[in-house]
Amino acid sequence: MILVNTDYIAGKNFEMLGLVKGSTIQSKNLGRDITQSFKTLVGGELKAYTEMMNDARALATKRMVEEAERLGADAVVNIRYSSASVMQGAAEVMAYGTAVKFV
């Protein structure tokens, strides 16, 4: 499966199959939240949250690819990511793009 954030793949012609997406909602755990709140006092990267969001993007991407595979896609083009707070301490990460089949 080829994944790109452009609307083309050099040297490939394809037909569009449709929109595919994958998402996950992640929440902070109490232990992680307490340790990271101390970090805000001195500044710097909140590595536990960075890791959590990287894992969330990977899971959302995996789910998007699985949906594309069910459609028989060879690639997903024009991939985008978004995130939004869904409640206090929880965020949704979504990956979406256009599933395509090579011709």
PDB file of N, CA and C in Angstrom:
ATOM      1  N   MET A   1       0.860  -1.179   0.000  1.00  0.00           N
ATOM      2  CA  MET A   1       0.000   0.000   0.000  1.00  0.00           C
ATOM      3  C   MET A   1       0.899   1.232   0.000  1.00  0.00           C
ATOM      4  N   ILE A   2       0.677   2.098  -0.979  1.00  0.00           N
ATOM      5  CA  ILE A   2       1.418   3.351  -1.069  1.00  0.00           C
ATOM      6  C   ILE A   2       0.592   4.434  -0.375  1.00  0.00           C
ATOM      7  N   LEU A   3       1.240   5.200   0.482  1.00  0.00           N
ATOM      8  CA  LEU A   3       0.577   6.291   1.204  1.00  0.00           C
ATOM      9  C   LEU A   3       1.317   7.586   0.895  1.00  0.00           C
ATOM     10  N   VAL A   4       0.592   8.575   0.371  1.00  0.00           N
ATOM     11  CA  VAL A   4       1.211   9.865   0.050  1.00  0.00           C
ATOM     12  C   VAL A   4       0.291  11.011   0.457  1.00  0.00           C
ATOM     13  N   ASN A   5       0.905  12.173   0.701  1.00  0.00           N
ATOM     14  CA  ASN A   5       0.097  13.339   1.043  1.00  0.00           C
ATOM     15  C   ASN A   5      -0.105  14.258  -0.162  1.00  0.00           C
ATOM     16  N   THR A   6       0.239  13.769  -1.345  1.00  0.00           N
ATOM     17  CA  THR A   6      -0.009  14.504  -2.579  1.00  0.00           C
ATOM     18  C   THR A   6      -1.230  13.907  -3.272  1.00  0.00           C
ATOM     19  N   ASP A   7      -1.743  14.609  -4.281  1.00  0.00           N
ATOM     20  CA  ASP A   7      -2.912  14.082  -4.995  1.00  0.00           C
ATOM     21  C   ASP A   7      -2.513  13.296  -6.242  1.00  0.00           C
ATOM     22  N   TYR A   8      -1.232  12.948  -6.347  1.00  0.00           N
ATOM     23  CA  TYR A   8      -0.749  12.150  -7.473  1.00  0.00           C
ATOM     24  C   TYR A   8       0.384  11.243  -7.001  1.00  0.00           C
ATOM     25  N   ILE A   9       0.675  10.231  -7.798  1.00  0.00           N
ATOM     26  CA  ILE A   9       1.844   9.377  -7.584  1.00  0.00           C
ATOM     27  C   ILE A   9       2.571   9.355  -8.918  1.00  0.00           C
ATOM     28  N   ALA A  10       3.788   9.827  -8.942  1.00  0.00           N
ATOM     29  CA  ALA A  10       4.544   9.946 -10.190  1.00  0.00           C
ATOM     30  C   ALA A  10       4.553   8.620 -10.950  1.00  0.00           C
ATOM     31  N   GLY A  11       4.195   8.696 -12.232  1.00  0.00           N
ATOM     32  CA  GLY A  11       4.222   7.524 -13.091  1.00  0.00           C
ATOM     33  C   GLY A  11       3.047   6.582 -12.946  1.00  0.00           C
ATOM     34  N   LYS A  12       2.058   6.930 -12.126  1.00  0.00           N
ATOM     35  CA  LYS A  12       0.904   6.050 -11.906  1.00  0.00           C
ATOM     36  C   LYS A  12      -0.382   6.738 -12.347  1.00  0.00           C
ATOM     37  N   ASN A  13      -1.203   5.987 -13.032  1.00  0.00           N
ATOM     38  CA  ASN A  13      -2.568   6.425 -13.338  1.00  0.00           C
ATOM     39  C   ASN A  13      -3.496   5.618 -12.443  1.00  0.00           C
ATOM     40  N   PHE A  14      -4.523   6.258 -11.963  1.00  0.00           N
ATOM     41  CA  PHE A  14      -5.419   5.545 -11.054  1.00  0.00           C
ATOM     42  C   PHE A  14      -6.830   6.073 -11.125  1.00  0.00           C
ATOM     43  N   GLU A  15      -7.727   5.256 -10.620  1.00  0.00           N
ATOM     44  CA  GLU A  15      -9.126   5.666 -10.476  1.00  0.00           C
ATOM     45  C   GLU A  15      -9.413   5.793  -8.985  1.00  0.00           C
ATOM     46  N   MET A  16     -10.223   6.767  -8.649  1.00  0.00           N
ATOM     47  CA  MET A  16     -10.563   6.991  -7.249  1.00  0.00           C
ATOM     48  C   MET A  16     -11.637   6.016  -6.803  1.00  0.00           C
ATOM     49  N   LEU A  17     -11.448   5.452  -5.615  1.00  0.00           N
ATOM     50  CA  LEU A  17     -12.432   4.542  -5.036  1.00  0.00           C
ATOM     51  C   LEU A  17     -13.291   5.227  -3.987  1.00  0.00           C
ATOM     52  N   GLY A  18     -12.746   6.245  -3.349  1.00  0.00           N
ATOM     53  CA  GLY A  18     -13.521   6.971  -2.346  1.00  0.00           C
ATOM     54  C   GLY A  18     -12.712   7.350  -1.128  1.00  0.00           C
ATOM     55  N   LEU A  19     -13.351   8.086  -0.266  1.00  0.00           N
ATOM     56  CA  LEU A  19     -12.755   8.551   0.980  1.00  0.00           C
ATOM     57  C   LEU A  19     -12.566   7.384   1.943  1.00  0.00           C
ATOM     58  N   VAL A  20     -11.399   7.331   2.581  1.00  0.00           N
ATOM     59  CA  VAL A  20     -11.162   6.360   3.647  1.00  0.00           C
ATOM     60  C   VAL A  20     -10.648   7.124   4.855  1.00  0.00           C
ATOM     61  N   LYS A  21     -10.947   6.580   6.016  1.00  0.00           N
ATOM     62  CA  LYS A  21     -10.540   7.264   7.239  1.00  0.00           C
ATOM     63  C   LYS A  21     -10.276   6.257   8.338  1.00  0.00           C
ATOM     64  N   GLY A  22      -9.540   6.699   9.306  1.00  0.00           N
ATOM     65  CA  GLY A  22      -9.303   5.913  10.506  1.00  0.00           C
ATOM     66  C   GLY A  22      -9.176   6.883  11.657  1.00  0.00           C
ATOM     67  N   SER A  23      -9.647   6.488  12.825  1.00  0.00           N
ATOM     68  CA  SER A  23      -9.550   7.395  13.965  1.00  0.00           C
ATOM     69  C   SER A  23      -9.378   6.608  15.252  1.00  0.00           C
ATOM     70  N   THR A  24      -8.952   7.321  16.254  1.00  0.00           N
ATOM     71  CA  THR A  24      -8.854   6.779  17.607  1.00  0.00           C
ATOM     72  C   THR A  24      -9.027   7.933  18.580  1.00  0.00           C
ATOM     73  N   ILE A  25      -9.507   7.621  19.749  1.00  0.00           N
ATOM     74  CA  ILE A  25      -9.609   8.615  20.824  1.00  0.00           C
ATOM     75  C   ILE A  25      -8.707   8.152  21.947  1.00  0.00           C
ATOM     76  N   GLN A  26      -7.796   9.012  22.323  1.00  0.00           N
ATOM     77  CA  GLN A  26      -6.835   8.704  23.383  1.00  0.00           C
ATOM     78  C   GLN A  26      -7.110   9.601  24.582  1.00  0.00           C
ATOM     79  N   SER A  27      -6.909   9.041  25.758  1.00  0.00           N
ATOM     80  CA  SER A  27      -7.061   9.850  26.968  1.00  0.00           C
ATOM     81  C   SER A  27      -5.782   9.766  27.783  1.00  0.00           C
ATOM     82  N   LYS A  28      -5.584  10.790  28.568  1.00  0.00           N
ATOM     83  CA  LYS A  28      -4.431  10.819  29.455  1.00  0.00           C
ATOM     84  C   LYS A  28      -4.694   9.880  30.621  1.00  0.00           C
ATOM     85  N   ASN A  29      -3.639   9.224  31.096  1.00  0.00           N
ATOM     86  CA  ASN A  29      -3.835   8.464  32.330  1.00  0.00           C
ATOM     87  C   ASN A  29      -3.331   9.297  33.496  1.00  0.00           C
ATOM     88  N   LEU A  30      -3.836   9.026  34.667  1.00  0.00           N
ATOM     89  CA  LEU A  30      -3.560   9.848  35.836  1.00  0.00           C
ATOM     90  C   LEU A  30      -2.073   9.935  36.135  1.00  0.00           C
ATOM     91  N   GLY A  31      -1.368   8.807  36.083  1.00  0.00           N
ATOM     92  CA  GLY A  31       0.072   8.821  36.363  1.00  0.00           C
ATOM     93  C   GLY A  31       0.834   9.679  35.379  1.00  0.00           C
ATOM     94  N   ARG A  32       0.510   9.524  34.102  1.00  0.00           N
ATOM     95  CA  ARG A  32       1.171  10.314  33.060  1.00  0.00           C
ATOM     96  C   ARG A  32       0.829  11.784  33.234  1.00  0.00           C
ATOM     97  N   ASP A  33      -0.419  12.084  33.558  1.00  0.00           N
ATOM     98  CA  ASP A  33      -0.861  13.463  33.712  1.00  0.00           C
ATOM     99  C   ASP A  33      -0.113  14.154  34.850  1.00  0.00           C
ATOM    100  N   ILE A  34       0.056  13.464  35.975  1.00  0.00           N
ATOM    101  CA  ILE A  34       0.747  14.064  37.125  1.00  0.00           C
ATOM    102  C   ILE A  34       2.208  14.350  36.791  1.00  0.00           C
ATOM    103  N   THR A  35       2.894  13.369  36.202  1.00  0.00           N
ATOM    104  CA  THR A  35       4.312  13.585  35.897  1.00  0.00           C
ATOM    105  C   THR A  35       4.487  14.674  34.841  1.00  0.00           C
ATOM    106  N   GLN A  36       3.604  14.733  33.867  1.00  0.00           N
ATOM    107  CA  GLN A  36       3.733  15.750  32.827  1.00  0.00           C
ATOM    108  C   GLN A  36       3.369  17.136  33.344  1.00  0.00           C
ATOM    109  N   SER A  37       2.494  17.215  34.338  1.00  0.00           N
ATOM    110  CA  SER A  37       2.152  18.527  34.879  1.00  0.00           C
ATOM    111  C   SER A  37       3.353  19.150  35.584  1.00  0.00           C
ATOM    112  N   PHE A  38       4.201  18.321  36.181  1.00  0.00           N
ATOM    113  CA  PHE A  38       5.435  18.852  36.787  1.00  0.00           C
ATOM    114  C   PHE A  38       6.358  19.416  35.710  1.00  0.00           C
ATOM    115  N   LYS A  39       6.365  18.792  34.553  1.00  0.00           N
ATOM    116  CA  LYS A  39       7.222  19.242  33.456  1.00  0.00           C
ATOM    117  C   LYS A  39       6.817  20.641  32.993  1.00  0.00           C
ATOM    118  N   THR A  40       5.534  20.977  33.087  1.00  0.00           N
ATOM    119  CA  THR A  40       5.094  22.298  32.645  1.00  0.00           C
ATOM    120  C   THR A  40       5.665  23.406  33.522  1.00  0.00           C
ATOM    121  N   LEU A  41       6.100  23.065  34.722  1.00  0.00           N
ATOM    122  CA  LEU A  41       6.685  24.067  35.607  1.00  0.00           C
ATOM    123  C   LEU A  41       8.056  24.523  35.127  1.00  0.00           C
ATOM    124  N   VAL A  42       8.804  23.615  34.512  1.00  0.00           N
ATOM    125  CA  VAL A  42      10.166  23.948  34.077  1.00  0.00           C
ATOM    126  C   VAL A  42      10.279  24.112  32.567  1.00  0.00           C
ATOM    127  N   GLY A  43       9.261  23.715  31.840  1.00  0.00           N
ATOM    128  CA  GLY A  43       9.272  23.844  30.391  1.00  0.00           C
ATOM    129  C   GLY A  43       9.909  22.646  29.706  1.00  0.00           C
ATOM    130  N   GLY A  44       9.767  22.590  28.422  1.00  0.00           N
ATOM    131  CA  GLY A  44      10.347  21.511  27.632  1.00  0.00           C
ATOM    132  C   GLY A  44       9.272  20.617  27.040  1.00  0.00           C
ATOM    133  N   GLU A  45       9.743  19.631  26.289  1.00  0.00           N
ATOM    134  CA  GLU A  45       8.832  18.711  25.618  1.00  0.00           C
ATOM    135  C   GLU A  45       8.150  17.777  26.605  1.00  0.00           C
ATOM    136  N   LEU A  46       6.869  17.552  26.395  1.00  0.00           N
ATOM    137  CA  LEU A  46       6.105  16.591  27.188  1.00  0.00           C
ATOM    138  C   LEU A  46       6.187  15.252  26.464  1.00  0.00           C
ATOM    139  N   LYS A  47       7.276  14.533  26.703  1.00  0.00           N
ATOM    140  CA  LYS A  47       7.585  13.338  25.918  1.00  0.00           C
ATOM    141  C   LYS A  47       6.523  12.255  26.021  1.00  0.00           C
ATOM    142  N   ALA A  48       5.908  12.086  27.167  1.00  0.00           N
ATOM    143  CA  ALA A  48       4.869  11.066  27.310  1.00  0.00           C
ATOM    144  C   ALA A  48       3.678  11.387  26.409  1.00  0.00           C
ATOM    145  N   TYR A  49       3.333  12.670  26.301  1.00  0.00           N
ATOM    146  CA  TYR A  49       2.224  13.059  25.425  1.00  0.00           C
ATOM    147  C   TYR A  49       2.623  12.962  23.959  1.00  0.00           C
ATOM    148  N   THR A  50       3.861  13.305  23.648  1.00  0.00           N
ATOM    149  CA  THR A  50       4.350  13.153  22.278  1.00  0.00           C
ATOM    150  C   THR A  50       4.246  11.697  21.853  1.00  0.00           C
ATOM    151  N   GLU A  51       4.677  10.798  22.706  1.00  0.00           N
ATOM    152  CA  GLU A  51       4.593   9.366  22.421  1.00  0.00           C
ATOM    153  C   GLU A  51       3.138   8.918  22.259  1.00  0.00           C
ATOM    154  N   MET A  52       2.271   9.402  23.138  1.00  0.00           N
ATOM    155  CA  MET A  52       0.857   9.040  23.059  1.00  0.00           C
ATOM    156  C   MET A  52       0.257   9.488  21.727  1.00  0.00           C
ATOM    157  N   MET A  53       0.571  10.715  21.291  1.00  0.00           N
ATOM    158  CA  MET A  53       0.014  11.216  20.040  1.00  0.00           C
ATOM    159  C   MET A  53       0.628  10.511  18.829  1.00  0.00           C
ATOM    160  N   ASN A  54       1.907  10.159  18.891  1.00  0.00           N
ATOM    161  CA  ASN A  54       2.521   9.384  17.807  1.00  0.00           C
ATOM    162  C   ASN A  54       1.843   8.023  17.679  1.00  0.00           C
ATOM    163  N   ASP A  55       1.579   7.382  18.811  1.00  0.00           N
ATOM    164  CA  ASP A  55       0.874   6.093  18.802  1.00  0.00           C
ATOM    165  C   ASP A  55      -0.535   6.246  18.238  1.00  0.00           C
ATOM    166  N   ALA A  56      -1.200   7.342  18.599  1.00  0.00           N
ATOM    167  CA  ALA A  56      -2.562   7.589  18.108  1.00  0.00           C
ATOM    168  C   ALA A  56      -2.563   7.794  16.595  1.00  0.00           C
ATOM    169  N   ARG A  57      -1.593   8.561  16.074  1.00  0.00           N
ATOM    170  CA  ARG A  57      -1.515   8.760  14.619  1.00  0.00           C
ATOM    171  C   ARG A  57      -1.241   7.449  13.902  1.00  0.00           C
ATOM    172  N   ALA A  58      -0.358   6.620  14.474  1.00  0.00           N
ATOM    173  CA  ALA A  58      -0.052   5.324  13.857  1.00  0.00           C
ATOM    174  C   ALA A  58      -1.294   4.428  13.821  1.00  0.00           C
ATOM    175  N   LEU A  59      -2.059   4.407  14.891  1.00  0.00           N
ATOM    176  CA  LEU A  59      -3.269   3.590  14.939  1.00  0.00           C
ATOM    177  C   LEU A  59      -4.324   4.107  13.962  1.00  0.00           C
ATOM    178  N   ALA A  60      -4.497   5.424  13.893  1.00  0.00           N
ATOM    179  CA  ALA A  60      -5.453   6.006  12.960  1.00  0.00           C
ATOM    180  C   ALA A  60      -5.049   5.686  11.517  1.00  0.00           C
ATOM    181  N   THR A  61      -3.762   5.764  11.222  1.00  0.00           N
ATOM    182  CA  THR A  61      -3.263   5.434   9.881  1.00  0.00           C
ATOM    183  C   THR A  61      -3.520   3.972   9.560  1.00  0.00           C
ATOM    184  N   LYS A  62      -3.244   3.086  10.504  1.00  0.00           N
ATOM    185  CA  LYS A  62      -3.468   1.656  10.317  1.00  0.00           C
ATOM    186  C   LYS A  62      -4.942   1.388   9.996  1.00  0.00           C
ATOM    187  N   ARG A  63      -5.844   2.017  10.711  1.00  0.00           N
ATOM    188  CA  ARG A  63      -7.273   1.821  10.482  1.00  0.00           C
ATOM    189  C   ARG A  63      -7.708   2.371   9.121  1.00  0.00           C
ATOM    190  N   MET A  64      -7.107   3.481   8.699  1.00  0.00           N
ATOM    191  CA  MET A  64      -7.400   4.031   7.383  1.00  0.00           C
ATOM    192  C   MET A  64      -6.940   3.064   6.293  1.00  0.00           C
ATOM    193  N   VAL A  65      -5.745   2.514   6.436  1.00  0.00           N
ATOM    194  CA  VAL A  65      -5.208   1.559   5.462  1.00  0.00           C
ATOM    195  C   VAL A  65      -6.091   0.311   5.400  1.00  0.00           C
ATOM    196  N   GLU A  66      -6.540  -0.181   6.537  1.00  0.00           N
ATOM    197  CA  GLU A  66      -7.422  -1.356   6.553  1.00  0.00           C
ATOM    198  C   GLU A  66      -8.715  -1.082   5.779  1.00  0.00           C
ATOM    199  N   GLU A  67      -9.266   0.118   5.925  1.00  0.00           N
ATOM    200  CA  GLU A  67     -10.480   0.477   5.183  1.00  0.00           C
ATOM    201  C   GLU A  67     -10.184   0.527   3.684  1.00  0.00           C
ATOM    202  N   ALA A  68      -9.031   1.077   3.311  1.00  0.00           N
ATOM    203  CA  ALA A  68      -8.644   1.141   1.902  1.00  0.00           C
ATOM    204  C   ALA A  68      -8.458  -0.262   1.326  1.00  0.00           C
ATOM    205  N   GLU A  69      -7.850  -1.152   2.099  1.00  0.00           N
ATOM    206  CA  GLU A  69      -7.653  -2.528   1.639  1.00  0.00           C
ATOM    207  C   GLU A  69      -8.987  -3.239   1.406  1.00  0.00           C
ATOM    208  N   ARG A  70      -9.974  -2.960   2.247  1.00  0.00           N
ATOM    209  CA  ARG A  70     -11.300  -3.561   2.056  1.00  0.00           C
ATOM    210  C   ARG A  70     -11.944  -3.111   0.739  1.00  0.00           C
ATOM    211  N   LEU A  71     -11.561  -1.920   0.272  1.00  0.00           N
ATOM    212  CA  LEU A  71     -12.070  -1.417  -1.004  1.00  0.00           C
ATOM    213  C   LEU A  71     -11.250  -1.934  -2.190  1.00  0.00           C
ATOM    214  N   GLY A  72     -10.151  -2.621  -1.924  1.00  0.00           N
ATOM    215  CA  GLY A  72      -9.277  -3.111  -2.988  1.00  0.00           C
ATOM    216  C   GLY A  72      -8.299  -2.069  -3.488  1.00  0.00           C
ATOM    217  N   ALA A  73      -7.986  -1.086  -2.675  1.00  0.00           N
ATOM    218  CA  ALA A  73      -7.108   0.011  -3.087  1.00  0.00           C
ATOM    219  C   ALA A  73      -5.647  -0.437  -3.179  1.00  0.00           C
ATOM    220  N   ASP A  74      -4.929   0.245  -4.063  1.00  0.00           N
ATOM    221  CA  ASP A  74      -3.481   0.057  -4.181  1.00  0.00           C
ATOM    222  C   ASP A  74      -2.726   1.150  -3.428  1.00  0.00           C
ATOM    223  N   ALA A  75      -3.405   2.266  -3.172  1.00  0.00           N
ATOM    224  CA  ALA A  75      -2.752   3.400  -2.521  1.00  0.00           C
ATOM    225  C   ALA A  75      -3.803   4.300  -1.887  1.00  0.00           C
ATOM    226  N   VAL A  76      -3.326   5.178  -1.031  1.00  0.00           N
ATOM    227  CA  VAL A  76      -4.162   6.253  -0.491  1.00  0.00           C
ATOM    228  C   VAL A  76      -3.413   7.551  -0.774  1.00  0.00           C
ATOM    229  N   VAL A  77      -4.082   8.477  -1.460  1.00  0.00           N
ATOM    230  CA  VAL A  77      -3.466   9.756  -1.806  1.00  0.00           C
ATOM    231  C   VAL A  77      -4.118  10.877  -1.005  1.00  0.00           C
ATOM    232  N   ASN A  78      -3.414  12.005  -0.990  1.00  0.00           N
ATOM    233  CA  ASN A  78      -3.912  13.215  -0.334  1.00  0.00           C
ATOM    234  C   ASN A  78      -4.245  12.974   1.143  1.00  0.00           C
ATOM    235  N   ILE A  79      -3.368  12.253   1.827  1.00  0.00           N
ATOM    236  CA  ILE A  79      -3.603  11.927   3.242  1.00  0.00           C
ATOM    237  C   ILE A  79      -3.457  13.178   4.105  1.00  0.00           C
ATOM    238  N   ARG A  80      -4.367  13.306   5.022  1.00  0.00           N
ATOM    239  CA  ARG A  80      -4.364  14.411   5.987  1.00  0.00           C
ATOM    240  C   ARG A  80      -4.614  13.848   7.377  1.00  0.00           C
ATOM    241  N   TYR A  81      -4.194  14.603   8.375  1.00  0.00           N
ATOM    242  CA  TYR A  81      -4.426  14.247   9.772  1.00  0.00           C
ATOM    243  C   TYR A  81      -5.107  15.414  10.463  1.00  0.00           C
ATOM    244  N   SER A  82      -5.969  15.096  11.401  1.00  0.00           N
ATOM    245  CA  SER A  82      -6.577  16.136  12.224  1.00  0.00           C
ATOM    246  C   SER A  82      -6.716  15.623  13.635  1.00  0.00           C
ATOM    247  N   SER A  83      -6.805  16.543  14.546  1.00  0.00           N
ATOM    248  CA  SER A  83      -7.039  16.158  15.944  1.00  0.00           C
ATOM    249  C   SER A  83      -7.976  17.176  16.566  1.00  0.00           C
ATOM    250  N   ALA A  84      -8.709  16.699  17.544  1.00  0.00           N
ATOM    251  CA  ALA A  84      -9.664  17.565  18.222  1.00  0.00           C
ATOM    252  C   ALA A  84      -9.891  17.045  19.628  1.00  0.00           C
ATOM    253  N   SER A  85     -10.107  17.956  20.529  1.00  0.00           N
ATOM    254  CA  SER A  85     -10.465  17.579  21.887  1.00  0.00           C
ATOM    255  C   SER A  85     -11.919  17.148  21.894  1.00  0.00           C
ATOM    256  N   VAL A  86     -12.203  15.979  22.470  1.00  0.00           N
ATOM    257  CA  VAL A  86     -13.589  15.507  22.513  1.00  0.00           C
ATOM    258  C   VAL A  86     -14.190  15.643  23.905  1.00  0.00           C
ATOM    259  N   MET A  87     -13.334  15.768  24.899  1.00  0.00           N
ATOM    260  CA  MET A  87     -13.762  16.028  26.271  1.00  0.00           C
ATOM    261  C   MET A  87     -12.522  16.364  27.079  1.00  0.00           C
ATOM    262  N   GLN A  88     -12.691  16.770  28.307  1.00  0.00           N
ATOM    263  CA  GLN A  88     -11.557  17.103  29.168  1.00  0.00           C
ATOM    264  C   GLN A  88     -10.610  15.908  29.256  1.00  0.00           C
ATOM    265  N   GLY A  89      -9.376  16.087  28.788  1.00  0.00           N
ATOM    266  CA  GLY A  89      -8.374  15.030  28.910  1.00  0.00           C
ATOM    267  C   GLY A  89      -8.414  13.955  27.839  1.00  0.00           C
ATOM    268  N   ALA A  90      -9.206  14.136  26.763  1.00  0.00           N
ATOM    269  CA  ALA A  90      -9.264  13.138  25.699  1.00  0.00           C
ATOM    270  C   ALA A  90      -9.270  13.842  24.344  1.00  0.00           C
ATOM    271  N   ALA A  91      -8.542  13.247  23.394  1.00  0.00           N
ATOM    272  CA  ALA A  91      -8.453  13.832  22.060  1.00  0.00           C
ATOM    273  C   ALA A  91      -8.642  12.760  21.003  1.00  0.00           C
ATOM    274  N   GLU A  92      -9.289  13.156  19.915  1.00  0.00           N
ATOM    275  CA  GLU A  92      -9.440  12.264  18.768  1.00  0.00           C
ATOM    276  C   GLU A  92      -8.370  12.612  17.743  1.00  0.00           C
ATOM    277  N   VAL A  93      -7.775  11.596  17.154  1.00  0.00           N
ATOM    278  CA  VAL A  93      -6.860  11.769  16.030  1.00  0.00           C
ATOM    279  C   VAL A  93      -7.479  11.048  14.853  1.00  0.00           C
ATOM    280  N   MET A  94      -7.564  11.728  13.714  1.00  0.00           N
ATOM    281  CA  MET A  94      -8.152  11.135  12.518  1.00  0.00           C
ATOM    282  C   MET A  94      -7.158  11.239  11.361  1.00  0.00           C
ATOM    283  N   ALA A  95      -7.060  10.144  10.609  1.00  0.00           N
ATOM    284  CA  ALA A  95      -6.300  10.127   9.354  1.00  0.00           C
ATOM    285  C   ALA A  95      -7.313   9.888   8.248  1.00  0.00           C
ATOM    286  N   TYR A  96      -7.206  10.641   7.152  1.00  0.00           N
ATOM    287  CA  TYR A  96      -8.147  10.438   6.054  1.00  0.00           C
ATOM    288  C   TYR A  96      -7.465  10.753   4.728  1.00  0.00           C
ATOM    289  N   GLY A  97      -7.971  10.136   3.677  1.00  0.00           N
ATOM    290  CA  GLY A  97      -7.426  10.345   2.349  1.00  0.00           C
ATOM    291  C   GLY A  97      -8.341   9.705   1.323  1.00  0.00           C
ATOM    292  N   THR A  98      -7.858   9.642   0.085  1.00  0.00           N
ATOM    293  CA  THR A  98      -8.629   9.067  -1.009  1.00  0.00           C
ATOM    294  C   THR A  98      -8.005   7.747  -1.419  1.00  0.00           C
ATOM    295  N   ALA A  99      -8.778   6.681  -1.345  1.00  0.00           N
ATOM    296  CA  ALA A  99      -8.327   5.361  -1.778  1.00  0.00           C
ATOM    297  C   ALA A  99      -8.360   5.331  -3.300  1.00  0.00           C
ATOM    298  N   VAL A 100      -7.291   4.772  -3.902  1.00  0.00           N
ATOM    299  CA  VAL A 100      -7.221   4.700  -5.355  1.00  0.00           C
ATOM    300  C   VAL A 100      -6.768   3.319  -5.808  1.00  0.00           C
ATOM    301  N   LYS A 101      -7.148   2.971  -7.026  1.00  0.00           N
ATOM    302  CA  LYS A 101      -6.765   1.696  -7.660  1.00  0.00           C
ATOM    303  C   LYS A 101      -5.998   2.045  -8.921  1.00  0.00           C
ATOM    304  N   PHE A 102      -4.832   1.421  -9.108  1.00  0.00           N
ATOM    305  CA  PHE A 102      -4.028   1.679 -10.313  1.00  0.00           C
ATOM    306  C   PHE A 102      -4.704   1.084 -11.542  1.00  0.00           C
ATOM    307  N   VAL A 103      -4.606   1.819 -12.668  1.00  0.00           N
ATOM    308  CA  VAL A 103      -5.159   1.319 -13.938  1.00  0.00           C
ATOM    309  C   VAL A 103      -4.036   1.111 -14.934  1.00  0.00           C
TER     310      VAL A 103
END
